[in-house]
N, C-alpha and C. Protein backbone atom coordinates (compact mmCIF):
# COMPACT_ATOMS: atom_id res chain seq x y z
N UNK A 1 68.74 137.36 167.58
CA UNK A 1 68.30 137.06 168.95
C UNK A 1 67.43 135.93 169.34
N UNK A 2 67.47 135.44 170.49
CA UNK A 2 66.66 133.98 171.01
C UNK A 2 65.44 134.25 170.81
N UNK A 3 64.69 133.07 171.46
CA UNK A 3 63.14 133.32 171.38
C UNK A 3 62.55 134.03 172.58
N UNK A 4 63.26 134.46 173.53
CA UNK A 4 62.64 135.51 174.42
C UNK A 4 62.18 136.38 173.95
N UNK A 5 60.83 136.77 175.00
CA UNK A 5 60.11 137.94 174.16
C UNK A 5 60.12 138.83 175.50
N UNK A 6 60.70 139.88 174.54
CA UNK A 6 61.13 141.00 175.25
C UNK A 6 59.88 141.93 175.58
N UNK A 7 59.98 142.68 176.59
CA UNK A 7 58.94 143.51 177.24
C UNK A 7 59.36 144.92 177.09
N UNK A 8 58.39 145.79 176.36
CA UNK A 8 58.92 147.27 175.97
C UNK A 8 57.46 147.89 176.97
N UNK A 9 58.03 148.98 177.91
CA UNK A 9 57.19 150.00 178.26
C UNK A 9 57.06 151.40 177.44
N UNK A 10 55.99 151.63 177.00
CA UNK A 10 55.63 152.85 176.26
C UNK A 10 55.33 154.18 176.97
N UNK A 11 55.73 154.96 177.07
CA UNK A 11 55.25 156.42 177.91
C UNK A 11 55.14 157.43 177.05
N UNK A 12 53.61 157.94 176.99
CA UNK A 12 53.38 158.78 176.04
C UNK A 12 51.85 159.51 176.64
N UNK A 13 51.91 160.97 176.44
CA UNK A 13 50.41 161.47 177.41
C UNK A 13 49.67 161.68 175.84
N UNK A 14 49.78 160.76 174.53
CA UNK A 14 48.99 160.95 173.44
C UNK A 14 48.81 159.70 173.41
N UNK A 15 47.53 159.56 173.07
CA UNK A 15 46.63 157.78 172.89
C UNK A 15 47.10 157.43 171.64
N UNK A 16 47.13 158.37 170.50
CA UNK A 16 47.22 158.04 169.22
C UNK A 16 48.71 157.40 168.90
N UNK A 17 49.54 157.92 169.68
CA UNK A 17 51.33 157.61 169.58
C UNK A 17 51.59 156.41 170.00
N UNK A 18 50.63 156.28 171.41
CA UNK A 18 50.62 154.90 172.07
C UNK A 18 50.04 153.53 171.16
N UNK A 19 48.91 153.85 170.51
CA UNK A 19 48.34 153.22 169.91
C UNK A 19 49.35 152.55 168.53
N UNK A 20 49.90 153.71 168.07
CA UNK A 20 50.96 153.46 166.99
C UNK A 20 51.73 152.50 167.46
N UNK A 21 52.60 152.98 168.31
CA UNK A 21 53.68 152.46 168.56
C UNK A 21 53.76 150.83 169.42
N UNK A 22 52.36 150.95 169.70
CA UNK A 22 51.85 149.39 170.27
C UNK A 22 51.47 148.40 169.27
N UNK A 23 50.83 148.85 168.20
CA UNK A 23 50.77 148.02 166.85
C UNK A 23 52.02 147.82 166.46
N UNK A 24 52.82 148.61 166.06
CA UNK A 24 53.91 147.78 165.17
C UNK A 24 54.99 147.43 165.97
N UNK A 25 54.96 147.53 167.53
CA UNK A 25 55.79 146.43 168.49
C UNK A 25 55.23 145.29 168.16
N UNK A 26 54.05 145.15 168.60
CA UNK A 26 53.41 143.74 168.53
C UNK A 26 53.42 143.06 167.56
N UNK A 27 53.58 143.72 166.43
CA UNK A 27 53.82 142.81 165.40
C UNK A 27 54.94 142.33 165.08
N UNK A 28 55.84 142.81 165.76
CA UNK A 28 57.14 142.35 165.66
C UNK A 28 57.21 141.35 167.07
N UNK A 29 56.19 140.90 167.59
CA UNK A 29 56.12 140.24 168.90
C UNK A 29 57.03 140.73 170.07
N UNK A 30 56.99 142.05 170.04
CA UNK A 30 57.13 142.39 171.24
C UNK A 30 55.92 142.41 172.52
N UNK A 31 56.34 142.20 173.73
CA UNK A 31 54.97 142.22 174.65
C UNK A 31 55.09 143.67 174.89
N UNK A 32 54.34 144.40 175.03
CA UNK A 32 53.70 146.10 174.93
C UNK A 32 53.23 146.39 176.45
N UNK A 33 53.45 147.46 177.28
CA UNK A 33 52.79 147.45 178.33
C UNK A 33 52.93 149.35 178.14
N UNK A 34 52.18 149.86 178.96
CA UNK A 34 51.94 151.62 178.65
C UNK A 34 51.59 152.65 179.83
N UNK A 35 52.06 153.51 179.72
CA UNK A 35 51.63 154.48 180.57
C UNK A 35 51.73 155.64 180.21
N UNK A 36 51.15 156.46 181.03
CA UNK A 36 50.50 157.88 180.02
C UNK A 36 51.20 159.56 180.69
N UNK A 37 52.39 159.24 181.41
CA UNK A 37 53.14 160.10 182.32
C UNK A 37 54.42 159.59 182.86
N UNK A 38 55.24 160.20 183.11
CA UNK A 38 56.52 159.69 184.06
C UNK A 38 56.18 159.31 185.35
N UNK A 39 55.25 159.84 186.01
CA UNK A 39 54.90 159.03 187.37
C UNK A 39 54.45 157.75 187.33
N UNK A 40 53.58 157.49 186.46
CA UNK A 40 52.91 156.64 186.09
C UNK A 40 53.76 155.29 185.46
N UNK A 41 54.59 155.78 184.75
CA UNK A 41 55.82 154.84 184.21
C UNK A 41 56.65 154.19 185.30
N UNK A 42 56.82 155.07 186.15
CA UNK A 42 57.74 154.60 187.41
C UNK A 42 56.90 153.41 187.97
N UNK A 43 55.26 153.48 188.31
CA UNK A 43 54.75 152.39 188.97
C UNK A 43 54.72 151.41 188.00
N UNK A 44 54.37 151.44 187.05
CA UNK A 44 54.20 150.30 185.91
C UNK A 44 55.54 149.66 185.49
N UNK A 45 56.79 150.12 185.68
CA UNK A 45 57.85 149.61 185.56
C UNK A 45 58.27 148.92 186.68
N UNK A 46 57.91 149.16 187.81
CA UNK A 46 58.44 148.82 189.01
C UNK A 46 57.47 147.16 188.84
N UNK A 47 56.42 147.21 188.60
CA UNK A 47 55.35 146.15 188.75
C UNK A 47 55.76 145.26 187.21
N UNK A 48 56.02 145.78 186.12
CA UNK A 48 56.16 145.05 184.83
C UNK A 48 57.83 144.52 184.71
N UNK A 49 58.62 145.37 185.15
CA UNK A 49 60.11 144.98 185.03
C UNK A 49 60.52 144.73 183.40
N UNK A 50 60.12 145.80 182.46
CA UNK A 50 60.40 145.75 181.25
C UNK A 50 62.12 145.55 180.84
N UNK A 51 61.86 145.27 179.45
CA UNK A 51 63.49 145.11 178.71
C UNK A 51 63.85 146.65 178.54
N UNK A 52 63.01 147.36 178.12
CA UNK A 52 63.33 148.55 177.36
C UNK A 52 62.26 149.44 177.75
N UNK A 53 62.47 151.01 178.14
CA UNK A 53 61.40 151.92 178.26
C UNK A 53 61.93 152.72 177.15
N UNK A 54 60.80 153.10 176.69
CA UNK A 54 60.63 154.23 175.52
C UNK A 54 59.96 155.19 176.11
N UNK A 55 60.47 156.47 176.39
CA UNK A 55 59.74 157.34 177.06
C UNK A 55 59.46 159.04 176.30
N UNK A 56 58.62 159.29 176.39
CA UNK A 56 58.51 160.75 175.35
C UNK A 56 59.28 161.52 177.10
N UNK A 57 59.32 163.07 176.66
CA UNK A 57 60.01 163.90 177.24
C UNK A 57 58.74 164.83 177.94
N UNK A 58 57.92 165.51 176.90
CA UNK A 58 57.00 166.77 177.34
C UNK A 58 56.00 166.08 177.76
N UNK A 59 55.51 165.71 179.03
CA UNK A 59 54.42 165.07 179.39
C UNK A 59 53.85 165.65 180.91
N UNK A 60 52.83 165.86 181.09
CA UNK A 60 52.10 166.37 182.27
C UNK A 60 52.39 165.17 183.52
N UNK A 61 52.10 165.88 184.55
CA UNK A 61 52.49 165.17 185.87
C UNK A 61 54.07 164.91 186.18
N UNK A 62 54.69 164.15 185.54
CA UNK A 62 56.27 164.09 185.54
C UNK A 62 56.98 163.87 184.34
N UNK A 63 57.81 164.75 183.70
CA UNK A 63 58.01 164.72 182.37
C UNK A 63 59.31 163.45 182.44
N UNK A 64 59.55 162.94 181.06
CA UNK A 64 60.30 162.06 181.14
C UNK A 64 62.03 162.09 181.65
N UNK A 65 62.07 163.50 181.63
CA UNK A 65 63.80 163.48 182.00
C UNK A 65 63.64 163.29 183.58
N UNK A 66 62.87 163.64 184.25
CA UNK A 66 62.42 163.37 185.66
C UNK A 66 62.23 161.80 185.78
N UNK A 67 61.41 161.05 184.97
CA UNK A 67 61.28 159.90 185.12
C UNK A 67 62.45 159.02 185.16
N UNK A 68 63.30 159.30 184.12
CA UNK A 68 64.31 158.59 183.95
C UNK A 68 65.32 158.73 185.16
N UNK A 69 65.54 160.06 185.86
CA UNK A 69 66.55 160.13 186.64
C UNK A 69 66.06 159.17 187.85
N UNK A 70 64.58 159.28 188.13
CA UNK A 70 64.34 158.37 189.09
C UNK A 70 64.21 156.95 189.06
N UNK A 71 63.92 156.54 187.57
CA UNK A 71 64.08 155.24 187.10
C UNK A 71 65.80 154.65 187.61
N UNK A 72 66.56 155.64 186.94
CA UNK A 72 68.05 155.24 187.30
C UNK A 72 68.82 155.16 188.67
N UNK A 73 68.00 155.79 189.59
CA UNK A 73 68.35 155.91 191.06
C UNK A 73 67.57 154.74 191.98
N UNK A 74 67.08 153.94 190.95
CA UNK A 74 66.50 152.65 191.59
C UNK A 74 67.48 151.57 191.31
N UNK A 75 67.74 150.95 192.43
CA UNK A 75 68.85 149.49 191.79
C UNK A 75 68.51 148.86 190.92
N UNK A 76 67.09 148.13 190.78
CA UNK A 76 66.35 147.24 189.64
C UNK A 76 66.58 148.06 188.39
N UNK A 77 66.51 149.28 188.16
CA UNK A 77 66.58 149.86 186.67
C UNK A 77 67.93 150.35 186.34
N UNK A 78 68.77 150.15 187.06
CA UNK A 78 70.47 150.51 186.95
C UNK A 78 70.80 150.23 185.32
N UNK A 79 70.27 149.20 185.09
CA UNK A 79 70.90 148.75 183.57
C UNK A 79 70.14 148.36 182.75
N UNK A 80 68.61 148.80 182.83
CA UNK A 80 67.73 148.49 182.11
C UNK A 80 67.51 149.88 181.13
N UNK A 81 67.31 149.43 179.75
CA UNK A 81 67.78 149.92 178.66
C UNK A 81 66.01 151.52 178.73
N UNK A 82 66.86 152.64 178.50
CA UNK A 82 65.62 153.65 178.30
C UNK A 82 66.17 154.40 177.42
N UNK A 83 65.02 154.76 176.37
CA UNK A 83 65.36 155.70 175.32
C UNK A 83 64.32 156.89 175.37
N UNK A 84 64.48 157.66 175.05
CA UNK A 84 63.36 158.81 174.63
C UNK A 84 63.21 158.88 173.01
N UNK A 85 61.96 159.09 173.09
CA UNK A 85 61.32 159.36 171.60
C UNK A 85 60.70 160.18 171.79
N UNK A 86 60.98 161.29 170.83
CA UNK A 86 60.23 162.68 171.32
C UNK A 86 60.32 163.81 170.05
N UNK A 87 59.57 164.40 169.71
CA UNK A 87 59.38 165.55 168.44
C UNK A 87 60.64 166.53 168.99
N UNK A 88 60.91 167.06 170.22
CA UNK A 88 62.19 167.77 170.40
C UNK A 88 63.36 167.47 170.07
N UNK A 89 64.14 168.01 169.21
CA UNK A 89 65.23 167.48 168.59
C UNK A 89 66.62 168.34 168.77
N UNK A 90 66.20 169.32 170.00
CA UNK A 90 67.45 170.36 170.06
C UNK A 90 68.34 169.77 171.03
N UNK A 91 70.10 170.19 170.55
CA UNK A 91 70.82 169.82 171.54
C UNK A 91 70.68 169.62 172.64
N UNK A 92 69.93 170.58 173.44
CA UNK A 92 70.21 170.75 174.76
C UNK A 92 69.11 169.62 175.16
N UNK A 93 68.48 169.23 174.71
CA UNK A 93 67.24 168.49 175.10
C UNK A 93 67.98 167.01 175.06
N UNK A 94 68.36 166.84 173.87
CA UNK A 94 69.44 165.54 173.73
C UNK A 94 70.33 165.18 174.59
N UNK A 95 71.28 166.42 175.23
CA UNK A 95 72.11 166.48 175.93
C UNK A 95 71.22 166.14 177.25
N UNK A 96 70.36 166.81 177.73
CA UNK A 96 69.51 166.55 179.30
C UNK A 96 69.07 164.98 179.33
N UNK A 97 68.88 164.85 178.19
CA UNK A 97 68.29 163.27 177.90
C UNK A 97 69.39 161.99 178.12
N UNK A 98 70.70 162.47 177.48
CA UNK A 98 71.76 161.20 177.90
C UNK A 98 72.36 161.93 179.48
N UNK A 99 72.12 162.92 179.87
CA UNK A 99 72.62 163.21 181.30
C UNK A 99 71.80 162.48 182.05
N UNK A 100 70.26 162.20 182.06
CA UNK A 100 69.90 161.69 182.86
C UNK A 100 69.86 160.10 182.76
N UNK A 101 70.33 159.73 182.27
CA UNK A 101 71.04 158.26 182.19
C UNK A 101 70.40 157.81 180.90
N UNK A 102 69.44 158.33 179.85
CA UNK A 102 69.16 157.57 178.77
C UNK A 102 70.15 156.83 177.88
N UNK A 103 69.86 155.47 177.04
CA UNK A 103 70.45 154.95 176.33
C UNK A 103 70.46 155.47 174.94
N UNK A 104 69.44 155.98 174.61
CA UNK A 104 69.46 156.42 173.26
C UNK A 104 68.13 157.36 173.12
N UNK A 105 68.44 158.31 171.88
CA UNK A 105 67.43 159.77 171.66
C UNK A 105 66.74 159.33 170.44
N UNK A 106 65.55 159.01 170.13
CA UNK A 106 65.02 158.78 169.02
C UNK A 106 64.16 160.19 168.52
N UNK A 107 63.91 160.95 167.35
CA UNK A 107 63.11 161.69 167.14
C UNK A 107 62.03 161.49 166.42
N UNK A 108 60.97 161.93 166.87
CA UNK A 108 59.75 161.58 165.81
C UNK A 108 59.10 162.95 164.95
N UNK A 109 58.55 162.71 164.14
CA UNK A 109 58.04 161.34 163.84
C UNK A 109 59.02 160.58 163.04
N UNK A 110 58.59 158.90 163.17
CA UNK A 110 59.75 158.25 162.81
C UNK A 110 58.71 156.94 161.97
N UNK A 111 59.27 156.67 160.85
CA UNK A 111 58.76 155.66 160.29
C UNK A 111 58.55 154.00 161.18
N UNK A 112 57.50 153.57 161.02
CA UNK A 112 57.28 152.26 161.90
C UNK A 112 58.73 151.19 161.84
N UNK A 113 59.14 151.02 160.41
CA UNK A 113 60.24 150.26 160.44
C UNK A 113 61.63 150.52 160.82
N UNK A 114 61.94 152.11 160.75
CA UNK A 114 62.93 152.53 161.30
C UNK A 114 62.78 152.68 163.29
N UNK A 115 61.91 152.69 163.51
CA UNK A 115 61.29 152.63 165.24
C UNK A 115 61.95 151.09 165.35
N UNK A 116 61.32 150.24 164.90
CA UNK A 116 61.83 148.95 165.09
C UNK A 116 62.99 148.56 164.97
N UNK A 117 63.69 149.02 164.15
CA UNK A 117 65.09 148.66 163.61
C UNK A 117 66.07 149.49 164.82
N UNK A 118 65.71 150.51 164.94
CA UNK A 118 66.57 151.05 166.21
C UNK A 118 66.23 150.54 167.76
N UNK A 119 64.79 149.63 167.89
CA UNK A 119 64.72 148.94 169.11
C UNK A 119 65.21 147.73 168.99
N UNK A 120 65.52 147.23 167.71
CA UNK A 120 65.98 145.93 167.88
C UNK A 120 67.54 145.86 167.88
N UNK A 121 68.47 147.50 167.75
CA UNK A 121 69.75 147.37 167.83
C UNK A 121 70.00 147.60 169.16
N UNK A 122 69.03 148.49 169.89
CA UNK A 122 69.35 148.68 171.18
C UNK A 122 69.26 146.90 172.05
N UNK A 123 68.39 146.56 171.70
CA UNK A 123 68.37 145.17 172.80
C UNK A 123 69.20 144.05 172.08
N UNK A 124 69.76 144.00 170.87
CA UNK A 124 70.76 143.22 170.44
C UNK A 124 72.37 143.79 171.05
N UNK A 125 72.32 145.32 171.06
CA UNK A 125 73.55 145.69 171.94
C UNK A 125 73.59 145.04 173.39
N UNK A 126 72.47 145.52 174.16
CA UNK A 126 72.14 145.21 175.27
C UNK A 126 72.58 143.45 175.65
N UNK A 127 71.96 142.85 174.54
CA UNK A 127 72.24 141.50 174.93
C UNK A 127 73.76 141.04 175.04
N UNK A 128 74.60 141.65 173.59
CA UNK A 128 76.12 141.46 173.64
C UNK A 128 76.64 141.57 174.79
N UNK A 129 76.25 143.02 175.56
CA UNK A 129 76.77 143.27 176.87
C UNK A 129 76.51 142.69 177.55
N UNK A 130 75.47 142.00 177.98
CA UNK A 130 75.19 140.86 179.15
C UNK A 130 75.99 139.64 179.02
N UNK A 131 75.84 139.18 177.58
CA UNK A 131 76.79 138.18 177.28
C UNK A 131 78.20 137.80 177.81
N UNK A 132 78.88 139.01 177.60
CA UNK A 132 80.32 139.63 178.02
C UNK A 132 80.40 139.75 179.44
N UNK A 133 79.30 139.97 180.00
CA UNK A 133 79.33 140.00 181.35
C UNK A 133 79.44 138.71 182.38
N UNK A 134 78.49 137.91 181.49
CA UNK A 134 78.25 136.52 181.78
C UNK A 134 79.70 136.07 181.88
N UNK A 135 80.52 136.06 180.63
CA UNK A 135 81.52 135.53 180.30
C UNK A 135 82.85 136.15 181.22
N UNK A 136 82.60 137.21 181.59
CA UNK A 136 83.51 137.55 182.66
C UNK A 136 83.72 136.88 183.93
N UNK A 137 82.21 136.62 184.25
CA UNK A 137 82.01 135.86 185.63
C UNK A 137 82.48 134.34 185.61
N UNK A 138 82.06 134.08 184.18
CA UNK A 138 82.45 132.47 184.41
C UNK A 138 84.03 132.24 184.16
N UNK A 139 84.76 133.14 183.83
CA UNK A 139 86.45 133.36 183.82
C UNK A 139 86.73 134.29 185.09
N UNK A 140 87.39 133.49 186.28
CA UNK A 140 87.72 133.90 187.47
C UNK A 140 89.23 134.04 187.64
N UNK A 141 90.04 135.39 187.57
CA UNK A 141 91.56 135.05 188.13
C UNK A 141 91.34 136.00 189.38
N UNK A 142 92.50 135.14 190.21
CA UNK A 142 92.83 135.26 191.19
C UNK A 142 94.42 134.97 191.56
N UNK A 143 95.29 136.29 191.11
CA UNK A 143 96.44 136.14 191.42
C UNK A 143 97.01 134.81 190.17
N UNK A 144 97.80 133.97 190.86
CA UNK A 144 97.82 132.73 189.54
C UNK A 144 96.97 131.85 189.21
N UNK A 145 96.03 132.04 190.15
CA UNK A 145 94.95 130.97 190.01
C UNK A 145 93.72 131.52 188.99
N UNK A 146 93.48 130.44 187.99
CA UNK A 146 92.34 130.83 187.07
C UNK A 146 91.18 129.67 187.08
N UNK A 147 89.85 130.31 187.22
CA UNK A 147 89.13 129.43 187.15
C UNK A 147 87.97 129.49 186.13
N UNK A 148 87.65 128.32 185.38
CA UNK A 148 86.81 128.35 184.50
C UNK A 148 85.58 127.92 184.75
N UNK A 149 84.34 128.53 185.23
CA UNK A 149 83.00 127.88 185.95
C UNK A 149 82.59 127.24 185.12
N UNK A 150 82.58 127.47 183.33
CA UNK A 150 81.87 127.13 182.61
C UNK A 150 82.36 125.54 182.13
N UNK A 151 83.76 125.28 182.22
CA UNK A 151 84.72 124.36 181.61
C UNK A 151 84.79 123.71 183.05
N UNK A 152 84.64 123.95 184.33
CA UNK A 152 85.13 123.12 185.40
C UNK A 152 86.30 122.92 185.38
N UNK A 153 87.17 124.06 185.13
CA UNK A 153 88.84 123.55 184.75
C UNK A 153 89.45 124.70 185.73
N UNK A 154 90.49 124.51 186.02
CA UNK A 154 91.13 125.56 187.09
C UNK A 154 92.80 125.37 186.48
N UNK A 155 93.47 126.41 186.68
CA UNK A 155 94.89 126.17 185.99
C UNK A 155 95.53 127.48 187.45
N UNK A 156 96.79 126.82 188.00
CA UNK A 156 97.48 127.75 188.87
C UNK A 156 98.57 127.47 188.93
N UNK A 157 99.29 129.02 188.65
CA UNK A 157 100.44 128.91 188.16
C UNK A 157 101.13 128.05 186.57
N UNK A 158 100.01 128.41 185.88
CA UNK A 158 100.13 128.19 184.73
C UNK A 158 99.61 126.24 184.20
N UNK A 159 99.83 125.80 185.57
CA UNK A 159 99.37 124.22 185.61
C UNK A 159 98.21 124.03 185.71
N UNK A 160 97.71 122.95 184.92
CA UNK A 160 96.01 122.56 184.94
C UNK A 160 95.98 121.59 186.40
N UNK A 161 94.99 121.69 187.34
CA UNK A 161 94.49 120.70 188.16
C UNK A 161 93.23 120.58 187.79
N UNK A 162 92.77 119.29 187.94
CA UNK A 162 91.70 118.33 187.70
C UNK A 162 91.34 118.31 189.48
N UNK A 163 90.04 119.22 189.26
CA UNK A 163 89.09 118.82 190.84
C UNK A 163 87.79 117.71 190.59
N UNK A 164 87.37 117.26 191.78
CA UNK A 164 86.09 117.00 191.54
C UNK A 164 85.15 117.96 191.78
N UNK A 165 84.12 117.61 191.26
CA UNK A 165 82.88 118.74 191.18
C UNK A 165 82.58 119.50 192.32
N UNK A 166 82.66 118.75 193.66
CA UNK A 166 82.34 119.56 194.72
C UNK A 166 83.82 120.41 195.40
N UNK A 167 84.90 120.01 195.25
CA UNK A 167 86.01 120.54 195.64
C UNK A 167 85.64 121.86 194.40
N UNK A 168 85.43 121.42 193.31
CA UNK A 168 85.36 122.75 192.35
C UNK A 168 84.40 123.77 192.97
N UNK A 169 82.92 123.40 193.37
CA UNK A 169 82.50 124.18 193.55
C UNK A 169 83.12 125.10 195.02
N UNK A 170 83.62 124.17 195.86
CA UNK A 170 83.89 124.83 197.19
C UNK A 170 85.33 126.14 196.71
N UNK A 171 86.06 125.52 195.86
CA UNK A 171 87.31 126.51 195.73
C UNK A 171 86.44 127.68 195.08
N UNK A 172 85.89 127.75 194.02
CA UNK A 172 84.90 128.57 193.08
C UNK A 172 84.20 129.70 194.28
N UNK A 173 83.69 129.20 195.45
CA UNK A 173 82.92 130.10 196.21
C UNK A 173 83.70 130.85 197.09
N UNK A 174 85.19 130.16 197.54
CA UNK A 174 85.78 130.93 198.23
C UNK A 174 86.84 131.69 197.40
N UNK A 175 87.10 131.46 196.48
CA UNK A 175 87.83 132.38 195.57
C UNK A 175 87.00 133.54 195.07
N UNK A 176 85.34 133.19 194.86
CA UNK A 176 84.98 134.05 194.29
C UNK A 176 85.11 135.42 195.04
N UNK A 177 85.23 135.62 196.16
CA UNK A 177 85.34 136.59 197.04
C UNK A 177 86.78 136.86 197.70
N UNK A 178 87.79 136.96 197.36
CA UNK A 178 89.24 136.81 198.20
C UNK A 178 88.79 137.43 199.41
N UNK A 179 89.27 137.08 200.93
CA UNK A 179 89.28 137.79 201.77
C UNK A 179 87.89 137.47 202.49
N UNK A 180 86.96 137.01 202.12
CA UNK A 180 85.60 137.36 202.58
C UNK A 180 85.79 135.65 203.64
N UNK A 181 85.24 135.79 204.78
CA UNK A 181 85.43 134.36 205.88
C UNK A 181 83.73 134.35 205.55
N UNK A 182 83.62 132.77 204.80
CA UNK A 182 82.58 131.99 204.83
C UNK A 182 82.68 131.03 206.18
N UNK A 183 81.21 131.20 206.59
CA UNK A 183 81.01 130.28 207.51
C UNK A 183 80.51 128.80 207.38
N UNK A 184 80.98 128.13 208.02
CA UNK A 184 80.44 126.85 207.69
C UNK A 184 79.42 126.60 206.89
N UNK A 185 78.04 127.30 207.53
CA UNK A 185 76.67 127.10 207.19
C UNK A 185 76.45 127.60 205.98
N UNK A 186 77.32 128.76 205.56
CA UNK A 186 76.99 129.31 204.43
C UNK A 186 77.70 128.63 203.16
N UNK A 187 78.78 127.79 203.12
CA UNK A 187 79.51 126.66 202.72
C UNK A 187 78.49 125.63 202.38
N UNK A 188 78.02 125.09 203.37
CA UNK A 188 77.32 123.77 203.42
C UNK A 188 75.80 124.20 202.50
N UNK A 189 75.32 125.63 202.66
CA UNK A 189 74.29 125.61 201.86
C UNK A 189 74.32 126.00 200.55
N UNK A 190 75.79 126.63 200.23
CA UNK A 190 76.03 127.25 198.78
C UNK A 190 76.41 125.97 197.92
N UNK A 191 77.42 124.94 198.77
CA UNK A 191 78.09 124.34 197.77
C UNK A 191 77.25 122.74 197.89
N UNK A 192 76.52 122.62 199.03
CA UNK A 192 75.94 121.11 199.20
C UNK A 192 74.03 121.11 199.16
N UNK A 193 73.75 122.43 199.64
CA UNK A 193 72.50 122.53 199.67
C UNK A 193 71.97 122.29 200.82
N UNK A 194 70.62 122.86 200.97
CA UNK A 194 70.10 122.61 202.54
C UNK A 194 69.39 121.14 202.85
N UNK A 195 69.05 120.58 201.10
CA UNK A 195 68.21 119.64 201.69
C UNK A 195 69.12 118.30 201.21
N UNK A 196 70.33 118.62 201.40
CA UNK A 196 71.35 117.36 201.47
C UNK A 196 72.17 117.56 203.23
N UNK A 197 72.35 116.45 203.81
CA UNK A 197 72.64 116.77 205.25
C UNK A 197 74.29 115.78 205.46
N UNK A 198 75.16 116.88 205.24
CA UNK A 198 76.43 116.54 205.55
C UNK A 198 77.12 117.51 206.65
N UNK A 199 78.01 116.83 207.25
CA UNK A 199 78.67 117.20 208.57
C UNK A 199 79.63 118.38 208.54
N UNK A 200 80.16 118.70 209.27
CA UNK A 200 81.37 119.33 209.39
C UNK A 200 82.49 119.00 209.02
N UNK A 201 82.72 117.66 209.20
CA UNK A 201 84.00 116.97 208.93
C UNK A 201 84.09 117.03 207.27
N UNK A 202 82.98 116.73 206.53
CA UNK A 202 82.88 116.91 205.37
C UNK A 202 83.47 118.03 204.60
N UNK A 203 83.24 119.06 205.14
CA UNK A 203 83.84 120.66 204.70
C UNK A 203 85.18 120.43 204.82
N UNK A 204 85.73 119.95 205.96
CA UNK A 204 86.97 119.73 206.60
C UNK A 204 87.93 118.73 205.51
N UNK A 205 87.62 117.88 205.51
CA UNK A 205 88.28 117.04 204.55
C UNK A 205 88.07 117.40 202.92
N UNK A 206 87.19 118.27 202.20
CA UNK A 206 87.28 118.95 201.03
C UNK A 206 88.38 119.87 200.87
N UNK A 207 88.27 120.72 202.12
CA UNK A 207 89.44 122.00 202.54
C UNK A 207 90.70 121.41 202.27
N UNK A 208 91.03 120.26 203.40
CA UNK A 208 92.33 119.62 203.20
C UNK A 208 92.72 118.91 201.56
N UNK A 209 91.60 118.42 201.06
CA UNK A 209 92.19 117.74 199.33
C UNK A 209 92.52 118.88 198.70
N UNK A 210 92.12 120.24 199.06
CA UNK A 210 92.12 121.38 197.93
C UNK A 210 93.72 122.12 198.45
N UNK A 211 93.76 122.10 199.97
CA UNK A 211 95.31 122.51 200.02
C UNK A 211 96.14 121.86 199.74
N UNK A 212 96.02 120.29 199.60
CA UNK A 212 97.21 119.23 199.06
C UNK A 212 97.09 119.83 197.52
N UNK A 213 96.37 119.98 196.91
CA UNK A 213 96.88 120.44 195.25
C UNK A 213 96.84 121.72 194.77
N UNK A 214 96.51 122.84 195.97
CA UNK A 214 96.76 124.09 195.53
C UNK A 214 97.91 124.94 196.71
N UNK A 215 98.06 124.08 197.50
CA UNK A 215 99.15 124.73 198.65
C UNK A 215 98.58 125.05 199.65
N UNK A 216 99.00 124.93 200.81
CA UNK A 216 98.54 125.19 202.08
C UNK A 216 97.99 126.69 202.70
N UNK A 217 98.88 127.71 201.51
CA UNK A 217 98.85 128.87 201.76
C UNK A 217 97.91 129.81 201.11
N UNK A 218 96.71 129.07 200.22
CA UNK A 218 95.66 129.81 199.85
C UNK A 218 94.61 129.61 200.45
N UNK A 219 94.24 128.88 201.49
CA UNK A 219 93.11 128.90 202.01
C UNK A 219 93.26 128.86 203.62
N UNK A 220 92.55 129.62 204.34
CA UNK A 220 93.21 129.98 205.27
C UNK A 220 91.64 129.86 206.48
N UNK A 221 91.95 129.15 207.45
CA UNK A 221 90.91 128.77 208.69
C UNK A 221 90.84 129.99 209.70
N UNK A 222 89.98 130.27 209.93
CA UNK A 222 89.17 131.45 210.34
C UNK A 222 88.76 130.83 211.99
N UNK A 223 89.21 130.41 212.86
CA UNK A 223 89.33 129.86 213.81
C UNK A 223 87.89 130.21 214.77
N UNK A 224 86.91 129.10 214.52
CA UNK A 224 85.30 129.11 215.41
C UNK A 224 84.37 129.53 214.28
N UNK A 225 84.71 130.16 212.90
CA UNK A 225 83.98 130.63 212.20
C UNK A 225 83.82 129.76 210.60
N UNK A 226 84.95 129.97 210.28
CA UNK A 226 84.81 129.30 208.90
C UNK A 226 86.20 129.25 208.02
N UNK A 227 86.06 129.51 206.77
CA UNK A 227 87.41 129.73 205.59
C UNK A 227 87.01 130.62 205.12
N UNK A 228 88.79 131.22 204.60
CA UNK A 228 88.59 132.20 203.36
C UNK A 228 89.61 132.17 202.57
N UNK A 229 89.80 132.74 201.06
CA UNK A 229 90.59 132.43 200.13
C UNK A 229 91.74 133.66 200.33
N UNK A 230 92.87 133.37 200.26
CA UNK A 230 93.65 134.67 200.52
C UNK A 230 94.91 134.14 199.23
N UNK A 231 95.62 135.51 199.01
CA UNK A 231 96.78 135.25 197.70
C UNK A 231 97.68 136.17 197.87
């Protein structure tokens, strides 16, 4: 793993268990925040935005299953790691846990080294998936056009085409959402930025150059509004 300090939210109604987990996770340089029940966990999660939430199931006020369901219903926690740490190891409890959206189910009692190992594995898996997602986003394929945003390279019908930086960024913006009409203001903001003053003529010149290199049929003018990428 890299040097990022991961934040873990521990949720349990037993203070001694919270203390035990907090002590062992802080020894591994994790940032730890705590909650005593599911309702409090949701509140703390909204404030702290943890990388991993470790939930007990049987708790007063709101149980872990309900808390997990409510967290998963919130867009900001759709992909947050959530694991249950509970003494209940019946099959139906595990099924309920996974059905509510949990990524893992850990039964206690558990040795500190095993707990840390499971958490490390969860975070490592999440980081691998995040990396793959970034790689997918960096390599964009639309029809016969391939845009490598990391290498600043494009290929069209197998032919490599070298573009200046602003032409590349303009093409990447338009092709990133095929069919979407980008207004001139959107293009100026996203490609040149609000603090750089350029006119509409600048956009027109860059569009003309892209059409010369890629063909006239890929970038369409939407009169009075802006441009879109079609294929």
